[in-house]
Amino acid sequence: MTTFSDLSHYMTEVHSTIEVRFGNPSTEEKQKKIEQGAIEYGFSLEKMLLYDFERCLKKTWIREEGDSIFQLFSIYLFNTHIENPKVTFGKYKFKDSFYPKLVFHDDYWDKSDSDGRIWINDEMIEKIGKEIDENFEYEYVDFLRIAK
């Protein structure tokens, strides 16, 4: 009888890009800050929303210890230090408006203390989205996996 481990040498890792999508501010206070910022900088509300999302996350992106916010999330999730894939900011279109998104350029975290890798599963992505929603006041909408 053939077992899963017998077949493992035929299997290859499938990599994908993960887009974590966000919407409008999740609090009234944040919405007012966006409106005030748009007036102050002469931006449209949409441009201010995208600008503020990136600015807020970049402001806390690198901590004093040199860890990115996503490495801190991974420590919170796994109790171990891991290296995150490249993460960039982007935008997506819904109806006639653009909203912010984060793009993970791979769906694995590499363990710093071993050769192991951790696949970023759906539950982990949901936790990241909800943590950002809670801490940065941007509504977490959903995520997409896009095969490379």
C-alpha atoms as a PDB file:
ATOM      1  CA  MET A   1       0.000   0.000   0.000  1.00  0.00           C
ATOM      2  CA  THR A   2       1.311   3.441  -0.940  1.00  0.00           C
ATOM      3  CA  THR A   3       1.432   5.990   1.875  1.00  0.00           C
ATOM      4  CA  PHE A   4       1.429   9.750   1.796  1.00  0.00           C
ATOM      5  CA  SER A   5       5.122   9.861   2.693  1.00  0.00           C
ATOM      6  CA  ASP A   6       5.879   7.579  -0.290  1.00  0.00           C
ATOM      7  CA  LEU A   7       4.265  10.176  -2.562  1.00  0.00           C
ATOM      8  CA  SER A   8       5.878  13.218  -0.960  1.00  0.00           C
ATOM      9  CA  HIS A   9       8.803  13.247  -3.412  1.00  0.00           C
ATOM     10  CA  TYR A  10       6.286  13.786  -6.237  1.00  0.00           C
ATOM     11  CA  MET A  11       4.770  16.807  -4.549  1.00  0.00           C
ATOM     12  CA  THR A  12       6.031  20.339  -4.996  1.00  0.00           C
ATOM     13  CA  GLU A  13       5.271  23.420  -2.982  1.00  0.00           C
ATOM     14  CA  VAL A  14       2.739  25.640  -4.660  1.00  0.00           C
ATOM     15  CA  HIS A  15       3.428  29.268  -3.904  1.00  0.00           C
ATOM     16  CA  SER A  16       0.937  32.067  -4.046  1.00  0.00           C
ATOM     17  CA  THR A  17       0.703  35.758  -3.365  1.00  0.00           C
ATOM     18  CA  ILE A  18      -1.704  36.731  -0.595  1.00  0.00           C
ATOM     19  CA  GLU A  19      -3.644  39.980  -0.852  1.00  0.00           C
ATOM     20  CA  VAL A  20      -5.117  41.057   2.495  1.00  0.00           C
ATOM     21  CA  ARG A  21      -7.819  43.598   1.718  1.00  0.00           C
ATOM     22  CA  PHE A  22      -9.155  46.394   3.883  1.00  0.00           C
ATOM     23  CA  GLY A  23     -12.015  48.860   3.555  1.00  0.00           C
ATOM     24  CA  ASN A  24     -13.050  52.099   5.170  1.00  0.00           C
ATOM     25  CA  PRO A  25     -12.022  53.229   8.647  1.00  0.00           C
ATOM     26  CA  SER A  26     -13.698  51.051  11.267  1.00  0.00           C
ATOM     27  CA  THR A  27     -14.307  53.860  13.769  1.00  0.00           C
ATOM     28  CA  GLU A  28     -15.935  57.267  13.566  1.00  0.00           C
ATOM     29  CA  GLU A  29     -12.833  58.859  15.051  1.00  0.00           C
ATOM     30  CA  LYS A  30     -10.631  57.400  12.302  1.00  0.00           C
ATOM     31  CA  GLN A  31     -13.125  58.496   9.628  1.00  0.00           C
ATOM     32  CA  LYS A  32     -12.965  62.070  10.954  1.00  0.00           C
ATOM     33  CA  LYS A  33      -9.135  61.968  10.872  1.00  0.00           C
ATOM     34  CA  ILE A  34      -9.282  60.874   7.226  1.00  0.00           C
ATOM     35  CA  GLU A  35     -11.685  63.699   6.369  1.00  0.00           C
ATOM     36  CA  GLN A  36      -9.542  66.279   8.212  1.00  0.00           C
ATOM     37  CA  GLY A  37      -6.385  64.959   6.554  1.00  0.00           C
ATOM     38  CA  ALA A  38      -7.981  65.183   3.119  1.00  0.00           C
ATOM     39  CA  ILE A  39      -8.802  68.843   3.737  1.00  0.00           C
ATOM     40  CA  GLU A  40      -5.383  69.603   5.230  1.00  0.00           C
ATOM     41  CA  TYR A  41      -3.389  67.942   2.410  1.00  0.00           C
ATOM     42  CA  GLY A  42      -5.814  68.756  -0.403  1.00  0.00           C
ATOM     43  CA  PHE A  43      -6.332  65.049  -1.146  1.00  0.00           C
ATOM     44  CA  SER A  44      -9.492  63.272  -2.178  1.00  0.00           C
ATOM     45  CA  LEU A  45     -10.970  61.064   0.549  1.00  0.00           C
ATOM     46  CA  GLU A  46      -9.903  58.002  -1.415  1.00  0.00           C
ATOM     47  CA  LYS A  47      -6.299  59.189  -1.755  1.00  0.00           C
ATOM     48  CA  MET A  48      -6.183  60.121   1.934  1.00  0.00           C
ATOM     49  CA  LEU A  49      -7.532  56.691   2.915  1.00  0.00           C
ATOM     50  CA  LEU A  50      -4.758  54.946   0.948  1.00  0.00           C
ATOM     51  CA  TYR A  51      -2.096  57.373   2.196  1.00  0.00           C
ATOM     52  CA  ASP A  52      -3.118  57.073   5.848  1.00  0.00           C
ATOM     53  CA  PHE A  53      -3.300  53.261   5.763  1.00  0.00           C
ATOM     54  CA  GLU A  54       0.261  53.019   4.472  1.00  0.00           C
ATOM     55  CA  ARG A  55       1.518  55.774   6.790  1.00  0.00           C
ATOM     56  CA  CYS A  56      -0.019  54.174   9.897  1.00  0.00           C
ATOM     57  CA  LEU A  57       1.430  50.754   9.179  1.00  0.00           C
ATOM     58  CA  LYS A  58       4.831  52.065   8.119  1.00  0.00           C
ATOM     59  CA  LYS A  59       5.048  54.130  11.295  1.00  0.00           C
ATOM     60  CA  THR A  60       4.964  50.911  13.316  1.00  0.00           C
ATOM     61  CA  TRP A  61       6.421  48.651  10.616  1.00  0.00           C
ATOM     62  CA  ILE A  62       9.881  48.486  12.191  1.00  0.00           C
ATOM     63  CA  ARG A  63      10.088  48.264  15.951  1.00  0.00           C
ATOM     64  CA  GLU A  64      13.109  49.157  18.052  1.00  0.00           C
ATOM     65  CA  GLU A  65      14.225  45.522  18.054  1.00  0.00           C
ATOM     66  CA  GLY A  66      14.277  45.578  14.236  1.00  0.00           C
ATOM     67  CA  ASP A  67      11.273  43.282  13.869  1.00  0.00           C
ATOM     68  CA  SER A  68       8.547  44.143  11.416  1.00  0.00           C
ATOM     69  CA  ILE A  69       4.956  44.206  12.599  1.00  0.00           C
ATOM     70  CA  PHE A  70       4.385  40.912  10.750  1.00  0.00           C
ATOM     71  CA  GLN A  71       7.258  39.244  12.552  1.00  0.00           C
ATOM     72  CA  LEU A  72       5.649  40.372  15.796  1.00  0.00           C
ATOM     73  CA  PHE A  73       2.340  38.853  14.649  1.00  0.00           C
ATOM     74  CA  SER A  74       4.162  35.619  13.874  1.00  0.00           C
ATOM     75  CA  ILE A  75       5.734  35.553  17.343  1.00  0.00           C
ATOM     76  CA  TYR A  76       2.254  36.112  18.763  1.00  0.00           C
ATOM     77  CA  LEU A  77       0.856  33.252  16.629  1.00  0.00           C
ATOM     78  CA  PHE A  78       3.687  30.701  17.021  1.00  0.00           C
ATOM     79  CA  ASN A  79       5.839  31.734  19.987  1.00  0.00           C
ATOM     80  CA  THR A  80       8.910  31.611  17.758  1.00  0.00           C
ATOM     81  CA  HIS A  81      10.825  34.135  15.675  1.00  0.00           C
ATOM     82  CA  ILE A  82      10.271  33.696  11.955  1.00  0.00           C
ATOM     83  CA  GLU A  83      11.134  35.616   8.805  1.00  0.00           C
ATOM     84  CA  ASN A  84       8.182  36.928   6.879  1.00  0.00           C
ATOM     85  CA  PRO A  85       7.980  37.084   3.093  1.00  0.00           C
ATOM     86  CA  LYS A  86       8.238  40.426   1.344  1.00  0.00           C
ATOM     87  CA  VAL A  87       5.161  42.520   2.196  1.00  0.00           C
ATOM     88  CA  THR A  88       4.134  45.580   0.176  1.00  0.00           C
ATOM     89  CA  PHE A  89       1.249  48.025   0.077  1.00  0.00           C
ATOM     90  CA  GLY A  90      -1.225  48.181  -2.754  1.00  0.00           C
ATOM     91  CA  LYS A  91      -4.787  49.052  -3.623  1.00  0.00           C
ATOM     92  CA  TYR A  92      -7.731  47.188  -5.090  1.00  0.00           C
ATOM     93  CA  LYS A  93     -10.847  48.408  -6.815  1.00  0.00           C
ATOM     94  CA  PHE A  94     -14.329  47.693  -5.500  1.00  0.00           C
ATOM     95  CA  LYS A  95     -17.174  49.203  -7.484  1.00  0.00           C
ATOM     96  CA  ASP A  96     -15.843  52.674  -8.352  1.00  0.00           C
ATOM     97  CA  SER A  97     -13.466  53.164  -5.423  1.00  0.00           C
ATOM     98  CA  PHE A  98      -9.974  52.065  -4.455  1.00  0.00           C
ATOM     99  CA  TYR A  99      -9.169  50.580  -1.048  1.00  0.00           C
ATOM    100  CA  PRO A 100      -5.905  49.554   0.664  1.00  0.00           C
ATOM    101  CA  LYS A 101      -4.414  46.096   0.664  1.00  0.00           C
ATOM    102  CA  LEU A 102      -1.277  44.371   1.900  1.00  0.00           C
ATOM    103  CA  VAL A 103       0.461  41.950  -0.424  1.00  0.00           C
ATOM    104  CA  PHE A 104       2.438  39.022   0.959  1.00  0.00           C
ATOM    105  CA  HIS A 105       4.677  37.945  -1.922  1.00  0.00           C
ATOM    106  CA  ASP A 106       4.875  34.363  -0.696  1.00  0.00           C
ATOM    107  CA  ASP A 107       2.698  32.220   1.528  1.00  0.00           C
ATOM    108  CA  TYR A 108       5.404  30.771   3.769  1.00  0.00           C
ATOM    109  CA  TRP A 109       7.208  32.029   6.838  1.00  0.00           C
ATOM    110  CA  ASP A 110      10.738  30.725   7.361  1.00  0.00           C
ATOM    111  CA  LYS A 111      11.674  29.717  10.898  1.00  0.00           C
ATOM    112  CA  SER A 112      14.753  31.617  12.045  1.00  0.00           C
ATOM    113  CA  ASP A 113      15.899  28.901  14.422  1.00  0.00           C
ATOM    114  CA  SER A 114      15.679  25.984  11.954  1.00  0.00           C
ATOM    115  CA  ASP A 115      15.291  25.062   8.317  1.00  0.00           C
ATOM    116  CA  GLY A 116      11.552  24.714   8.794  1.00  0.00           C
ATOM    117  CA  ARG A 117       8.873  26.633   6.970  1.00  0.00           C
ATOM    118  CA  ILE A 118       5.351  27.475   8.053  1.00  0.00           C
ATOM    119  CA  TRP A 119       2.590  27.777   5.483  1.00  0.00           C
ATOM    120  CA  ILE A 120       0.504  30.894   6.102  1.00  0.00           C
ATOM    121  CA  ASN A 121      -2.932  29.319   6.370  1.00  0.00           C
ATOM    122  CA  ASP A 122      -6.320  31.007   6.149  1.00  0.00           C
ATOM    123  CA  GLU A 123      -6.744  31.234   9.927  1.00  0.00           C
ATOM    124  CA  MET A 124      -3.411  33.070  10.255  1.00  0.00           C
ATOM    125  CA  ILE A 125      -4.371  35.546   7.538  1.00  0.00           C
ATOM    126  CA  GLU A 126      -7.708  36.176   9.250  1.00  0.00           C
ATOM    127  CA  LYS A 127      -5.884  36.861  12.534  1.00  0.00           C
ATOM    128  CA  ILE A 128      -3.525  39.311  10.840  1.00  0.00           C
ATOM    129  CA  GLY A 129      -6.427  41.105   9.154  1.00  0.00           C
ATOM    130  CA  LYS A 130      -8.379  41.343  12.399  1.00  0.00           C
ATOM    131  CA  GLU A 131      -5.329  42.529  14.369  1.00  0.00           C
ATOM    132  CA  ILE A 132      -4.731  45.307  11.836  1.00  0.00           C
ATOM    133  CA  ASP A 133      -8.426  46.205  11.953  1.00  0.00           C
ATOM    134  CA  GLU A 134      -8.326  46.389  15.745  1.00  0.00           C
ATOM    135  CA  ASN A 135      -5.005  48.235  16.056  1.00  0.00           C
ATOM    136  CA  PHE A 136      -5.099  50.552  13.026  1.00  0.00           C
ATOM    137  CA  GLU A 137      -8.878  51.055  12.651  1.00  0.00           C
ATOM    138  CA  TYR A 138      -9.215  49.896   9.056  1.00  0.00           C
ATOM    139  CA  GLU A 139     -12.017  47.442   8.379  1.00  0.00           C
ATOM    140  CA  TYR A 140     -10.633  44.018   7.478  1.00  0.00           C
ATOM    141  CA  VAL A 141     -12.589  42.833   4.424  1.00  0.00           C
ATOM    142  CA  ASP A 142     -11.081  39.566   3.171  1.00  0.00           C
ATOM    143  CA  PHE A 143      -8.081  38.048   1.450  1.00  0.00           C
ATOM    144  CA  LEU A 144      -7.251  36.428  -1.865  1.00  0.00           C
ATOM    145  CA  ARG A 145      -4.629  33.831  -2.752  1.00  0.00           C
ATOM    146  CA  ILE A 146      -3.263  34.287  -6.236  1.00  0.00           C
ATOM    147  CA  ALA A 147      -1.199  31.404  -7.626  1.00  0.00           C
ATOM    148  CA  LYS A 148       2.196  32.398  -8.957  1.00  0.00           C
END
